[in-house]
Each structure stands twice: as structure tokens, then as C-alpha cells.
């Protein structure tokens, strides 16, 4: 029976390693899933080694695979969150660099808010020339247009597309 447990552990370990080696980001597998596969394979291997020392290689493999699966999934999820935070920080930094030396972009305004300063200037008697910039870029999702020197939507951080 002991030889059977060792063979079973070796086959299970080899199978887990093969499956974890086939996982890649191009196949659509997430960081959490790839971490779980690698952790499960490593845990099964360590569990088999430790279990064989005590005479229970099968139980050691099962326990090690479960613990490794959980630890790998947690490590993969932490890696995914770190990656998302890094992307967010880079996007914010790019937007800050884009708007340095220019006027600060304003959040969405309504029609009445954008016309209020022009009406007040006309009432005061000083005709003010209204400077209009050509909006040559737009956000495909919101449809809002922006000047040609903008690369990203200041409100959403999405990349702008040229008007055609």
C-alpha cells in the first residue's frame, strides 16, 4: 500500500506541475488562478515529501495541495490588485504631466454654468472676446470633445480619439 501512495503522489505532483506550466496570461487565466495552480502544485509536492516521511504521502499531498492552492490564490489576488494600483498611479501621473503649464481641466459643466461669466461681462459693459478652441479629440464613451493638446479625458482618464 505504501508503494501505491508514493506512485499516486508522484503522478499527482507531475500532473499539477504540467497543468501549472501550461497556464499563461495569453490564455485568459487571471493572476489569482495562475497563483492557485502554482501554489497547489508546490503544496502538493511539499505535502508528498513531508507525508512520505511520516508514512502518509497521500494525505500529505492532499493537505499540501489544498493549503498551497489557498496560499497561491491569495498571492495571485494581491499581485492583481498591485498591478491595478500601479496602472491607476501611472494614469494619474500621465494626466498631471499632460496638464502642467496649462489651465486646469474642469469637471463636466452644464450649459447655464458655462454661459454665466459671459452674461455677467456683457452686463458690466466690457465686451469680452470669447476665445474658442477647436475641439479635435473626443471620448468615444461619453462623446465629449476636447482640444487637440489633450491626450486623456480629464474627467474619466480614458484615452481620447481624434475626430474624423
N, C-alpha and C. Protein backbone atom coordinates (compact mmCIF):
# COMPACT_ATOMS: atom_id res chain seq x y z
N UNK A 1 0.83 -1.20 0.00
CA UNK A 1 0.00 0.00 0.00
C UNK A 1 0.86 1.25 0.00
N UNK A 2 2.01 1.19 0.64
CA UNK A 2 2.90 2.34 0.71
C UNK A 2 3.44 2.70 -0.68
N UNK A 3 3.71 1.71 -1.52
CA UNK A 3 4.21 1.97 -2.87
C UNK A 3 3.12 2.63 -3.70
N UNK A 4 1.87 2.20 -3.50
CA UNK A 4 0.75 2.81 -4.21
C UNK A 4 0.62 4.29 -3.85
N UNK A 5 0.75 4.64 -2.58
CA UNK A 5 0.65 6.03 -2.14
C UNK A 5 1.75 6.88 -2.75
N UNK A 6 2.94 6.35 -2.81
CA UNK A 6 4.04 7.10 -3.40
C UNK A 6 3.84 7.31 -4.90
N UNK A 7 3.38 6.26 -5.58
CA UNK A 7 3.12 6.39 -7.02
C UNK A 7 2.00 7.39 -7.27
N UNK A 8 0.95 7.30 -6.48
CA UNK A 8 -0.16 8.24 -6.62
C UNK A 8 0.30 9.67 -6.37
N UNK A 9 1.11 9.88 -5.36
CA UNK A 9 1.63 11.21 -5.05
C UNK A 9 2.51 11.73 -6.18
N UNK A 10 3.35 10.86 -6.73
CA UNK A 10 4.24 11.27 -7.81
C UNK A 10 3.45 11.63 -9.06
N UNK A 11 2.41 10.85 -9.38
CA UNK A 11 1.57 11.14 -10.55
C UNK A 11 0.81 12.43 -10.34
N UNK A 12 0.25 12.61 -9.16
CA UNK A 12 -0.49 13.84 -8.86
C UNK A 12 0.42 15.05 -8.93
N UNK A 13 1.61 14.94 -8.38
CA UNK A 13 2.57 16.04 -8.42
C UNK A 13 2.94 16.37 -9.86
N UNK A 14 3.22 15.36 -10.66
CA UNK A 14 3.59 15.59 -12.06
C UNK A 14 2.44 16.23 -12.82
N UNK A 15 1.22 15.77 -12.58
CA UNK A 15 0.05 16.33 -13.25
C UNK A 15 -0.16 17.80 -12.88
N UNK A 16 -0.04 18.12 -11.62
CA UNK A 16 -0.20 19.51 -11.19
C UNK A 16 0.88 20.42 -11.77
N UNK A 17 2.10 19.91 -11.82
CA UNK A 17 3.18 20.72 -12.39
C UNK A 17 2.97 20.94 -13.88
N UNK A 18 2.52 19.92 -14.59
CA UNK A 18 2.27 20.07 -16.02
C UNK A 18 1.15 21.08 -16.24
N UNK A 19 0.07 20.96 -15.48
CA UNK A 19 -1.04 21.88 -15.65
C UNK A 19 -0.66 23.31 -15.28
N UNK A 20 0.13 23.48 -14.24
CA UNK A 20 0.53 24.84 -13.86
C UNK A 20 1.52 25.41 -14.86
N UNK A 21 2.29 24.57 -15.52
CA UNK A 21 3.22 25.04 -16.54
C UNK A 21 2.51 25.47 -17.80
N UNK A 22 1.31 24.96 -18.06
CA UNK A 22 0.55 25.32 -19.27
C UNK A 22 -0.20 26.63 -19.09
N UNK A 23 -0.34 27.10 -17.89
CA UNK A 23 -1.10 28.31 -17.65
C UNK A 23 -0.28 29.53 -18.04
N UNK A 24 -0.90 30.44 -18.76
CA UNK A 24 -0.23 31.68 -19.13
C UNK A 24 -1.27 32.78 -19.23
N UNK A 25 -0.82 34.01 -19.24
CA UNK A 25 -1.72 35.16 -19.31
C UNK A 25 -2.42 35.24 -20.66
N UNK A 26 -1.78 34.73 -21.73
CA UNK A 26 -2.39 34.84 -23.05
C UNK A 26 -3.61 33.93 -23.18
N UNK A 27 -3.73 32.93 -22.34
CA UNK A 27 -4.88 32.04 -22.43
C UNK A 27 -6.07 32.57 -21.63
N UNK A 28 -5.95 33.74 -21.08
CA UNK A 28 -7.06 34.34 -20.36
C UNK A 28 -7.13 33.97 -18.90
N UNK A 29 -6.11 33.37 -18.38
CA UNK A 29 -6.11 32.97 -16.97
C UNK A 29 -5.69 34.18 -16.13
N UNK A 30 -6.34 34.37 -15.01
CA UNK A 30 -6.05 35.53 -14.18
C UNK A 30 -4.87 35.26 -13.27
N UNK A 31 -4.40 36.32 -12.63
CA UNK A 31 -3.29 36.18 -11.69
C UNK A 31 -3.68 35.28 -10.52
N UNK A 32 -4.92 35.39 -10.08
CA UNK A 32 -5.38 34.57 -8.97
C UNK A 32 -5.38 33.09 -9.35
N UNK A 33 -5.86 32.79 -10.55
CA UNK A 33 -5.91 31.39 -11.00
C UNK A 33 -4.52 30.81 -11.21
N UNK A 34 -3.63 31.60 -11.81
CA UNK A 34 -2.27 31.09 -12.02
C UNK A 34 -1.55 30.91 -10.68
N UNK A 35 -1.79 31.81 -9.73
CA UNK A 35 -1.21 31.65 -8.40
C UNK A 35 -1.74 30.41 -7.70
N UNK A 36 -3.03 30.14 -7.88
CA UNK A 36 -3.62 28.95 -7.27
C UNK A 36 -3.03 27.68 -7.88
N UNK A 37 -2.83 27.67 -9.20
CA UNK A 37 -2.25 26.49 -9.84
C UNK A 37 -0.82 26.23 -9.37
N UNK A 38 -0.03 27.27 -9.37
CA UNK A 38 1.37 27.11 -8.94
C UNK A 38 1.43 26.74 -7.46
N UNK A 39 0.64 27.41 -6.65
CA UNK A 39 0.62 27.11 -5.22
C UNK A 39 0.14 25.70 -4.95
N UNK A 40 -0.87 25.25 -5.67
CA UNK A 40 -1.37 23.89 -5.49
C UNK A 40 -0.32 22.85 -5.87
N UNK A 41 0.39 23.10 -6.96
CA UNK A 41 1.45 22.18 -7.39
C UNK A 41 2.58 22.11 -6.40
N UNK A 42 3.03 23.27 -5.96
CA UNK A 42 4.12 23.30 -4.98
C UNK A 42 3.69 22.70 -3.65
N UNK A 43 2.47 23.02 -3.23
CA UNK A 43 1.96 22.48 -1.96
C UNK A 43 1.81 20.97 -2.01
N UNK A 44 1.35 20.47 -3.15
CA UNK A 44 1.21 19.01 -3.29
C UNK A 44 2.58 18.34 -3.22
N UNK A 45 3.56 18.94 -3.87
CA UNK A 45 4.91 18.38 -3.84
C UNK A 45 5.49 18.37 -2.45
N UNK A 46 5.38 19.49 -1.77
CA UNK A 46 5.91 19.55 -0.41
C UNK A 46 5.13 18.63 0.53
N UNK A 47 3.80 18.58 0.34
CA UNK A 47 3.00 17.69 1.16
C UNK A 47 3.35 16.23 0.95
N UNK A 48 3.65 15.85 -0.29
CA UNK A 48 4.04 14.47 -0.58
C UNK A 48 5.36 14.13 0.08
N UNK A 49 6.30 15.07 0.02
CA UNK A 49 7.61 14.83 0.63
C UNK A 49 7.48 14.70 2.14
N UNK A 50 6.76 15.63 2.74
CA UNK A 50 6.60 15.59 4.20
C UNK A 50 5.78 14.39 4.62
N UNK A 51 4.72 14.08 3.85
CA UNK A 51 3.86 12.95 4.18
C UNK A 51 4.56 11.62 4.03
N UNK A 52 5.47 11.51 3.07
CA UNK A 52 6.19 10.24 2.90
C UNK A 52 7.13 9.98 4.07
N UNK A 53 7.61 11.02 4.71
CA UNK A 53 8.48 10.85 5.87
C UNK A 53 7.71 10.26 7.04
N UNK A 54 6.42 10.60 7.13
CA UNK A 54 5.61 10.07 8.23
C UNK A 54 4.81 8.84 7.82
N UNK A 55 4.93 8.44 6.54
CA UNK A 55 4.22 7.26 6.09
C UNK A 55 2.84 7.52 5.54
N UNK A 56 2.49 8.79 5.36
CA UNK A 56 1.16 9.15 4.84
C UNK A 56 1.31 10.12 3.67
N UNK A 57 1.90 9.64 2.60
CA UNK A 57 2.17 10.52 1.45
C UNK A 57 0.90 11.03 0.79
N UNK A 58 -0.12 10.20 0.70
CA UNK A 58 -1.39 10.61 0.07
C UNK A 58 -2.06 11.73 0.84
N UNK A 59 -2.14 11.56 2.15
CA UNK A 59 -2.76 12.60 2.98
C UNK A 59 -1.93 13.87 2.95
N UNK A 60 -0.61 13.73 2.99
CA UNK A 60 0.26 14.90 2.93
C UNK A 60 0.11 15.64 1.62
N UNK A 61 -0.04 14.89 0.53
CA UNK A 61 -0.23 15.51 -0.78
C UNK A 61 -1.53 16.28 -0.83
N UNK A 62 -2.59 15.69 -0.34
CA UNK A 62 -3.90 16.34 -0.35
C UNK A 62 -3.91 17.60 0.51
N UNK A 63 -3.37 17.49 1.69
CA UNK A 63 -3.34 18.66 2.58
C UNK A 63 -2.43 19.74 2.00
N UNK A 64 -1.28 19.36 1.50
CA UNK A 64 -0.35 20.34 0.92
C UNK A 64 -0.94 21.00 -0.31
N UNK A 65 -1.66 20.24 -1.15
CA UNK A 65 -2.28 20.82 -2.35
C UNK A 65 -3.34 21.84 -1.97
N UNK A 66 -4.15 21.52 -0.97
CA UNK A 66 -5.19 22.46 -0.53
C UNK A 66 -4.61 23.73 0.06
N UNK A 67 -3.63 23.57 0.91
CA UNK A 67 -3.00 24.75 1.53
C UNK A 67 -2.27 25.58 0.48
N UNK A 68 -1.57 24.91 -0.43
CA UNK A 68 -0.86 25.63 -1.49
C UNK A 68 -1.81 26.34 -2.43
N UNK A 69 -2.95 25.72 -2.73
CA UNK A 69 -3.96 26.33 -3.57
C UNK A 69 -4.47 27.62 -2.96
N UNK A 70 -4.79 27.59 -1.69
CA UNK A 70 -5.28 28.78 -0.99
C UNK A 70 -4.21 29.86 -0.93
N UNK A 71 -3.00 29.50 -0.55
CA UNK A 71 -1.93 30.49 -0.45
C UNK A 71 -1.60 31.08 -1.82
N UNK A 72 -1.59 30.25 -2.85
CA UNK A 72 -1.30 30.74 -4.20
C UNK A 72 -2.38 31.67 -4.71
N UNK A 73 -3.64 31.34 -4.44
CA UNK A 73 -4.74 32.21 -4.86
C UNK A 73 -4.66 33.57 -4.17
N UNK A 74 -4.34 33.56 -2.90
CA UNK A 74 -4.21 34.84 -2.17
C UNK A 74 -3.05 35.66 -2.71
N UNK A 75 -1.93 35.01 -2.99
CA UNK A 75 -0.77 35.73 -3.54
C UNK A 75 -1.09 36.27 -4.93
N UNK A 76 -1.81 35.49 -5.73
CA UNK A 76 -2.19 35.96 -7.06
C UNK A 76 -3.14 37.14 -7.01
N UNK A 77 -4.07 37.13 -6.09
CA UNK A 77 -5.01 38.25 -5.95
C UNK A 77 -4.27 39.51 -5.49
N UNK A 78 -3.32 39.36 -4.59
CA UNK A 78 -2.52 40.53 -4.17
C UNK A 78 -1.73 41.09 -5.34
N UNK A 79 -1.19 40.22 -6.20
CA UNK A 79 -0.44 40.67 -7.37
C UNK A 79 -1.36 41.41 -8.33
N UNK A 80 -2.60 40.91 -8.51
CA UNK A 80 -3.56 41.58 -9.41
C UNK A 80 -3.91 42.96 -8.89
N UNK A 81 -4.16 43.07 -7.59
CA UNK A 81 -4.50 44.38 -7.01
C UNK A 81 -3.34 45.36 -7.11
N UNK A 82 -2.13 44.88 -6.89
CA UNK A 82 -0.96 45.74 -7.01
C UNK A 82 -0.81 46.23 -8.44
N UNK A 83 -1.05 45.36 -9.39
CA UNK A 83 -0.97 45.73 -10.80
C UNK A 83 -2.00 46.81 -11.14
N UNK A 84 -3.23 46.67 -10.65
CA UNK A 84 -4.27 47.66 -10.89
C UNK A 84 -3.91 49.00 -10.26
N UNK A 85 -3.38 48.97 -9.02
CA UNK A 85 -2.98 50.21 -8.37
C UNK A 85 -1.86 50.90 -9.12
N UNK A 86 -0.92 50.13 -9.63
CA UNK A 86 0.18 50.70 -10.40
C UNK A 86 -0.34 51.35 -11.68
N UNK A 87 -1.26 50.68 -12.37
CA UNK A 87 -1.85 51.26 -13.58
C UNK A 87 -2.56 52.58 -13.25
N UNK A 88 -3.29 52.60 -12.14
CA UNK A 88 -4.02 53.81 -11.75
C UNK A 88 -3.05 54.95 -11.45
N UNK A 89 -1.96 54.65 -10.74
CA UNK A 89 -0.97 55.68 -10.43
C UNK A 89 -0.31 56.21 -11.70
N UNK A 90 0.02 55.33 -12.63
CA UNK A 90 0.64 55.75 -13.89
C UNK A 90 -0.32 56.63 -14.68
N UNK A 91 -1.60 56.26 -14.73
CA UNK A 91 -2.60 57.06 -15.44
C UNK A 91 -2.71 58.45 -14.83
N UNK A 92 -2.73 58.53 -13.50
CA UNK A 92 -2.82 59.83 -12.84
C UNK A 92 -1.58 60.67 -13.10
N UNK A 93 -0.41 60.04 -13.07
CA UNK A 93 0.83 60.77 -13.34
C UNK A 93 0.86 61.29 -14.77
N UNK A 94 0.40 60.49 -15.71
CA UNK A 94 0.37 60.93 -17.11
C UNK A 94 -0.56 62.11 -17.29
N UNK A 95 -1.70 62.09 -16.61
CA UNK A 95 -2.64 63.20 -16.71
C UNK A 95 -2.05 64.46 -16.10
N UNK A 96 -1.33 64.34 -14.98
CA UNK A 96 -0.72 65.51 -14.37
C UNK A 96 0.34 66.10 -15.30
N UNK A 97 1.13 65.25 -15.93
CA UNK A 97 2.15 65.75 -16.86
C UNK A 97 1.51 66.40 -18.07
N UNK A 98 0.40 65.86 -18.52
CA UNK A 98 -0.28 66.39 -19.70
C UNK A 98 -0.78 67.81 -19.45
N UNK A 99 -1.24 68.10 -18.24
CA UNK A 99 -1.85 69.39 -17.97
C UNK A 99 -0.93 70.38 -17.28
N UNK A 100 0.34 70.07 -17.11
CA UNK A 100 1.25 71.04 -16.50
C UNK A 100 1.42 72.23 -17.43
N UNK A 101 1.36 73.40 -16.87
CA UNK A 101 1.55 74.61 -17.66
C UNK A 101 0.32 75.04 -18.41
N UNK A 102 -0.74 74.31 -18.32
CA UNK A 102 -1.99 74.67 -18.98
C UNK A 102 -3.03 74.95 -17.91
N UNK A 103 -4.16 75.43 -18.36
CA UNK A 103 -5.21 75.64 -17.39
C UNK A 103 -5.71 74.30 -16.89
N UNK A 104 -6.12 74.29 -15.65
CA UNK A 104 -6.58 73.04 -15.04
C UNK A 104 -7.90 72.61 -15.68
N UNK A 105 -8.03 71.37 -16.07
CA UNK A 105 -9.29 70.92 -16.66
C UNK A 105 -10.41 70.96 -15.63
N UNK A 106 -11.58 71.34 -16.08
CA UNK A 106 -12.73 71.45 -15.21
C UNK A 106 -13.61 70.22 -15.37
N UNK A 107 -14.33 69.86 -14.30
CA UNK A 107 -15.27 68.74 -14.44
C UNK A 107 -16.43 69.14 -15.35
N UNK A 108 -17.28 68.21 -15.64
CA UNK A 108 -18.42 68.48 -16.52
C UNK A 108 -19.18 69.70 -16.04
N UNK A 109 -19.56 70.57 -16.95
CA UNK A 109 -20.35 71.75 -16.60
C UNK A 109 -21.65 71.70 -17.38
N UNK A 110 -22.65 72.37 -16.84
CA UNK A 110 -23.92 72.46 -17.55
C UNK A 110 -23.89 73.69 -18.44
N UNK A 111 -24.83 73.79 -19.33
CA UNK A 111 -24.89 74.91 -20.28
C UNK A 111 -25.02 76.24 -19.54
N UNK A 112 -25.85 76.30 -18.49
CA UNK A 112 -26.06 77.57 -17.78
C UNK A 112 -24.80 77.98 -17.02
N UNK A 113 -24.04 77.05 -16.49
CA UNK A 113 -22.82 77.40 -15.77
C UNK A 113 -21.77 77.96 -16.73
N UNK A 114 -21.67 77.41 -17.91
CA UNK A 114 -20.62 77.85 -18.82
C UNK A 114 -20.95 79.20 -19.45
N UNK A 115 -22.21 79.60 -19.50
CA UNK A 115 -22.58 80.89 -20.08
C UNK A 115 -22.65 82.01 -19.05
N UNK A 116 -22.68 81.69 -17.78
CA UNK A 116 -22.84 82.71 -16.74
C UNK A 116 -21.75 83.78 -16.78
N UNK A 117 -20.45 83.48 -16.90
CA UNK A 117 -19.45 84.55 -16.91
C UNK A 117 -19.59 85.49 -18.12
N UNK A 118 -20.00 84.98 -19.26
CA UNK A 118 -20.15 85.82 -20.45
C UNK A 118 -21.29 86.81 -20.25
N UNK A 119 -22.40 86.38 -19.67
CA UNK A 119 -23.54 87.26 -19.42
C UNK A 119 -23.15 88.33 -18.43
N UNK A 120 -22.41 88.00 -17.38
CA UNK A 120 -22.01 89.00 -16.38
C UNK A 120 -21.07 90.03 -17.00
N UNK A 121 -20.17 89.63 -17.89
CA UNK A 121 -19.25 90.59 -18.51
C UNK A 121 -20.01 91.54 -19.43
N UNK A 122 -21.00 91.06 -20.14
CA UNK A 122 -21.77 91.92 -21.03
C UNK A 122 -22.59 92.92 -20.24
N UNK A 123 -23.12 92.52 -19.10
CA UNK A 123 -23.88 93.43 -18.26
C UNK A 123 -22.97 94.53 -17.72
N UNK A 124 -21.75 94.20 -17.39
CA UNK A 124 -20.83 95.18 -16.84
C UNK A 124 -20.41 96.19 -17.92
N UNK A 125 -20.67 95.91 -19.18
CA UNK A 125 -20.37 96.87 -20.22
C UNK A 125 -19.05 96.64 -20.92
N UNK A 126 -18.28 95.69 -20.49
CA UNK A 126 -16.99 95.43 -21.13
C UNK A 126 -17.14 94.22 -22.04
N UNK A 127 -17.15 94.46 -23.34
CA UNK A 127 -17.27 93.31 -24.24
C UNK A 127 -16.00 92.47 -24.18
N UNK A 128 -16.18 91.24 -23.92
CA UNK A 128 -15.04 90.33 -23.80
C UNK A 128 -15.04 89.37 -24.99
N UNK A 129 -13.91 89.29 -25.66
CA UNK A 129 -13.86 88.35 -26.77
C UNK A 129 -13.89 86.91 -26.22
N UNK A 130 -14.71 86.11 -26.81
CA UNK A 130 -14.81 84.72 -26.39
C UNK A 130 -13.83 83.91 -27.23
N UNK A 131 -12.85 83.34 -26.53
CA UNK A 131 -11.83 82.54 -27.21
C UNK A 131 -12.31 81.11 -27.31
N UNK A 132 -12.42 80.62 -28.52
CA UNK A 132 -12.86 79.25 -28.71
C UNK A 132 -11.76 78.43 -29.31
N UNK A 133 -11.50 77.32 -28.67
CA UNK A 133 -10.50 76.40 -29.19
C UNK A 133 -11.21 75.35 -30.03
N UNK A 134 -10.51 74.91 -31.03
CA UNK A 134 -11.05 73.85 -31.87
C UNK A 134 -10.92 72.53 -31.11
N UNK A 135 -12.03 71.89 -30.89
CA UNK A 135 -12.01 70.59 -30.24
C UNK A 135 -11.83 69.53 -31.32
N UNK A 136 -10.67 68.91 -31.31
CA UNK A 136 -10.36 67.93 -32.35
C UNK A 136 -10.26 66.50 -31.81
N UNK A 137 -10.48 66.33 -30.52
CA UNK A 137 -10.44 64.98 -29.93
C UNK A 137 -11.71 64.77 -29.12
N UNK A 138 -12.07 63.49 -28.98
CA UNK A 138 -13.28 63.18 -28.23
C UNK A 138 -13.13 61.87 -27.46
N UNK A 139 -13.97 61.73 -26.45
CA UNK A 139 -14.04 60.50 -25.67
C UNK A 139 -15.15 59.65 -26.30
N UNK A 140 -14.81 58.48 -26.85
CA UNK A 140 -15.82 57.67 -27.53
C UNK A 140 -16.97 57.22 -26.62
N UNK A 141 -16.69 57.07 -25.34
CA UNK A 141 -17.74 56.59 -24.44
C UNK A 141 -18.72 57.70 -24.07
N UNK A 142 -18.20 58.90 -23.76
CA UNK A 142 -19.08 59.98 -23.32
C UNK A 142 -19.48 60.92 -24.45
N UNK A 143 -18.68 60.94 -25.53
CA UNK A 143 -18.97 61.83 -26.65
C UNK A 143 -18.49 63.26 -26.44
N UNK A 144 -17.90 63.56 -25.30
CA UNK A 144 -17.43 64.91 -25.01
C UNK A 144 -16.18 65.20 -25.84
N UNK A 145 -16.06 66.45 -26.35
CA UNK A 145 -14.91 66.82 -27.17
C UNK A 145 -13.92 67.64 -26.35
N UNK A 146 -12.65 67.62 -26.81
CA UNK A 146 -11.57 68.29 -26.10
C UNK A 146 -10.62 68.92 -27.11
N UNK A 147 -9.79 69.89 -26.67
CA UNK A 147 -8.79 70.49 -27.54
C UNK A 147 -7.76 69.46 -28.02
N UNK A 148 -7.07 69.79 -29.07
CA UNK A 148 -6.13 68.85 -29.70
C UNK A 148 -4.95 68.51 -28.80
N UNK A 149 -4.60 69.37 -27.83
CA UNK A 149 -3.44 69.08 -26.98
C UNK A 149 -3.77 68.12 -25.84
N UNK A 150 -5.01 67.70 -25.68
CA UNK A 150 -5.39 66.72 -24.67
C UNK A 150 -5.14 65.32 -25.22
N UNK A 151 -4.66 64.44 -24.35
CA UNK A 151 -4.46 63.04 -24.71
C UNK A 151 -5.46 62.16 -23.97
N UNK A 152 -5.82 62.56 -22.75
CA UNK A 152 -6.74 61.79 -21.92
C UNK A 152 -7.88 62.68 -21.45
N UNK A 153 -9.04 62.10 -21.26
CA UNK A 153 -10.20 62.80 -20.73
C UNK A 153 -9.90 63.15 -19.27
N UNK A 154 -9.94 64.43 -18.90
CA UNK A 154 -9.60 64.81 -17.52
C UNK A 154 -10.62 64.32 -16.49
N UNK A 155 -11.81 63.98 -16.95
CA UNK A 155 -12.85 63.55 -16.01
C UNK A 155 -12.80 62.05 -15.75
N UNK A 156 -12.47 61.27 -16.77
CA UNK A 156 -12.52 59.81 -16.63
C UNK A 156 -11.17 59.15 -16.76
N UNK A 157 -10.17 59.83 -17.33
CA UNK A 157 -8.85 59.25 -17.53
C UNK A 157 -8.76 58.37 -18.76
N UNK A 158 -9.83 58.31 -19.58
CA UNK A 158 -9.82 57.47 -20.77
C UNK A 158 -9.07 58.17 -21.90
N UNK A 159 -8.45 57.37 -22.75
CA UNK A 159 -7.69 57.92 -23.87
C UNK A 159 -8.66 58.53 -24.89
N UNK A 160 -8.30 59.70 -25.41
CA UNK A 160 -9.14 60.39 -26.39
C UNK A 160 -8.79 59.94 -27.80
N UNK A 161 -9.80 59.98 -28.68
CA UNK A 161 -9.63 59.61 -30.08
C UNK A 161 -9.79 60.88 -30.93
N UNK A 162 -9.08 60.94 -32.07
CA UNK A 162 -9.23 62.12 -32.94
C UNK A 162 -10.58 62.10 -33.65
N UNK A 163 -11.14 63.30 -33.85
CA UNK A 163 -12.37 63.43 -34.62
C UNK A 163 -12.04 63.19 -36.09
N UNK A 164 -12.92 62.48 -36.78
CA UNK A 164 -12.67 62.26 -38.20
C UNK A 164 -13.76 62.84 -39.04
